[in-house]
Amino acid sequence: MGRKKIQIQRITDERNRQVTFTKRKFGLMKKAYELSVLCDCEIALIIFNHSNKLFQYASTDMDKVLLKYTEYNDRQYFCS
């Protein structure tokens, strides 16, 4: 039995939005960790919430990963 699909849209209730953010942030960081371990890759994940609080994850030193990113020339951009 599969999960019910949800419609992707902004959650209007502040408390539900915060709970969803916390759960999904944890899940995203867990997936980033798993990807770094399984595929032996470097990952830097940066998240700012609605009140500009910073959350970050790095599989190695964050500064080294960000420096590597800024010096990289052949970038591919993905955004929605």
C-alpha atoms as a PDB file:
ATOM      1  CA  MET A   1       0.000   0.000   0.000  1.00  0.00           C
ATOM      2  CA  GLY A   2       1.491   3.335  -1.090  1.00  0.00           C
ATOM      3  CA  ARG A   3       1.371   6.755   0.439  1.00  0.00           C
ATOM      4  CA  LYS A   4      -1.222   9.304  -0.487  1.00  0.00           C
ATOM      5  CA  LYS A   5       0.050  11.956  -2.902  1.00  0.00           C
ATOM      6  CA  ILE A   6      -0.116  15.471  -1.583  1.00  0.00           C
ATOM      7  CA  GLN A   7      -0.561  18.626  -3.574  1.00  0.00           C
ATOM      8  CA  ILE A   8       2.594  20.723  -3.393  1.00  0.00           C
ATOM      9  CA  GLN A   9       1.539  24.172  -2.248  1.00  0.00           C
ATOM     10  CA  ARG A  10       2.322  26.522   0.622  1.00  0.00           C
ATOM     11  CA  ILE A  11       0.963  25.367   3.983  1.00  0.00           C
ATOM     12  CA  THR A  12      -1.168  28.185   5.336  1.00  0.00           C
ATOM     13  CA  ASP A  13      -1.260  27.122   9.000  1.00  0.00           C
ATOM     14  CA  GLU A  14       1.930  28.420  10.675  1.00  0.00           C
ATOM     15  CA  ARG A  15       2.239  25.552  13.169  1.00  0.00           C
ATOM     16  CA  ASN A  16       1.700  22.843  10.535  1.00  0.00           C
ATOM     17  CA  ARG A  17       4.209  24.595   8.258  1.00  0.00           C
ATOM     18  CA  GLN A  18       6.837  24.622  11.034  1.00  0.00           C
ATOM     19  CA  VAL A  19       6.248  20.945  11.873  1.00  0.00           C
ATOM     20  CA  THR A  20       6.476  20.004   8.190  1.00  0.00           C
ATOM     21  CA  PHE A  21       9.651  22.073   7.784  1.00  0.00           C
ATOM     22  CA  THR A  22      11.306  20.370  10.750  1.00  0.00           C
ATOM     23  CA  LYS A  23      10.400  16.864   9.562  1.00  0.00           C
ATOM     24  CA  ARG A  24      11.376  17.463   5.945  1.00  0.00           C
ATOM     25  CA  LYS A  25      14.610  19.228   6.916  1.00  0.00           C
ATOM     26  CA  PHE A  26      15.620  16.183   8.939  1.00  0.00           C
ATOM     27  CA  GLY A  27      14.682  13.871   6.051  1.00  0.00           C
ATOM     28  CA  LEU A  28      16.626  15.966   3.544  1.00  0.00           C
ATOM     29  CA  MET A  29      19.730  15.973   5.743  1.00  0.00           C
ATOM     30  CA  LYS A  30      19.437  12.214   6.231  1.00  0.00           C
ATOM     31  CA  LYS A  31      19.203  11.695   2.452  1.00  0.00           C
ATOM     32  CA  ALA A  32      22.230  13.956   1.927  1.00  0.00           C
ATOM     33  CA  TYR A  33      24.209  11.885   4.443  1.00  0.00           C
ATOM     34  CA  GLU A  34      23.122   8.607   2.834  1.00  0.00           C
ATOM     35  CA  LEU A  35      24.069   9.854  -0.644  1.00  0.00           C
ATOM     36  CA  SER A  36      27.501  10.949   0.570  1.00  0.00           C
ATOM     37  CA  VAL A  37      28.169   7.558   2.187  1.00  0.00           C
ATOM     38  CA  LEU A  38      26.724   5.337  -0.552  1.00  0.00           C
ATOM     39  CA  CYS A  39      28.270   7.219  -3.469  1.00  0.00           C
ATOM     40  CA  ASP A  40      31.428   8.538  -1.780  1.00  0.00           C
ATOM     41  CA  CYS A  41      30.682  12.133  -2.772  1.00  0.00           C
ATOM     42  CA  GLU A  42      31.012  15.513  -1.108  1.00  0.00           C
ATOM     43  CA  ILE A  43      27.771  17.258  -0.210  1.00  0.00           C
ATOM     44  CA  ALA A  44      27.006  20.695   1.182  1.00  0.00           C
ATOM     45  CA  LEU A  45      23.412  21.481   2.075  1.00  0.00           C
ATOM     46  CA  ILE A  46      22.390  24.988   3.157  1.00  0.00           C
ATOM     47  CA  ILE A  47      18.866  25.836   4.315  1.00  0.00           C
ATOM     48  CA  PHE A  48      17.447  29.139   5.533  1.00  0.00           C
ATOM     49  CA  ASN A  49      14.016  29.049   7.138  1.00  0.00           C
ATOM     50  CA  HIS A  50      11.417  31.812   6.901  1.00  0.00           C
ATOM     51  CA  SER A  51      13.060  33.746   9.745  1.00  0.00           C
ATOM     52  CA  ASN A  52      16.526  33.448   8.146  1.00  0.00           C
ATOM     53  CA  LYS A  53      17.813  30.857  10.616  1.00  0.00           C
ATOM     54  CA  LEU A  54      20.609  28.834   9.038  1.00  0.00           C
ATOM     55  CA  PHE A  55      20.706  25.026   8.967  1.00  0.00           C
ATOM     56  CA  GLN A  56      23.571  23.259   7.261  1.00  0.00           C
ATOM     57  CA  TYR A  57      25.019  19.839   6.575  1.00  0.00           C
ATOM     58  CA  ALA A  58      28.343  18.976   4.993  1.00  0.00           C
ATOM     59  CA  SER A  59      29.770  15.522   4.410  1.00  0.00           C
ATOM     60  CA  THR A  60      33.264  16.996   4.805  1.00  0.00           C
ATOM     61  CA  ASP A  61      34.452  20.462   5.819  1.00  0.00           C
ATOM     62  CA  MET A  62      31.817  22.987   4.676  1.00  0.00           C
ATOM     63  CA  ASP A  63      34.410  25.652   3.842  1.00  0.00           C
ATOM     64  CA  LYS A  64      36.355  23.260   1.601  1.00  0.00           C
ATOM     65  CA  VAL A  65      33.222  22.165  -0.258  1.00  0.00           C
ATOM     66  CA  LEU A  66      32.080  25.761  -0.783  1.00  0.00           C
ATOM     67  CA  LEU A  67      35.546  26.814  -1.955  1.00  0.00           C
ATOM     68  CA  LYS A  68      35.548  23.916  -4.402  1.00  0.00           C
ATOM     69  CA  TYR A  69      32.116  25.040  -5.622  1.00  0.00           C
ATOM     70  CA  THR A  70      33.144  28.668  -6.146  1.00  0.00           C
ATOM     71  CA  GLU A  71      36.259  27.636  -8.074  1.00  0.00           C
ATOM     72  CA  TYR A  72      34.389  25.188 -10.319  1.00  0.00           C
ATOM     73  CA  ASN A  73      33.823  26.475 -13.867  1.00  0.00           C
ATOM     74  CA  ASP A  74      31.532  23.953 -15.578  1.00  0.00           C
ATOM     75  CA  ARG A  75      28.420  24.488 -13.423  1.00  0.00           C
ATOM     76  CA  GLN A  76      25.053  22.932 -14.121  1.00  0.00           C
ATOM     77  CA  TYR A  77      22.064  24.752 -12.668  1.00  0.00           C
ATOM     78  CA  PHE A  78      18.843  23.086 -11.579  1.00  0.00           C
ATOM     79  CA  CYS A  79      16.031  25.124 -10.122  1.00  0.00           C
ATOM     80  CA  SER A  80      12.270  25.158 -10.154  1.00  0.00           C
END
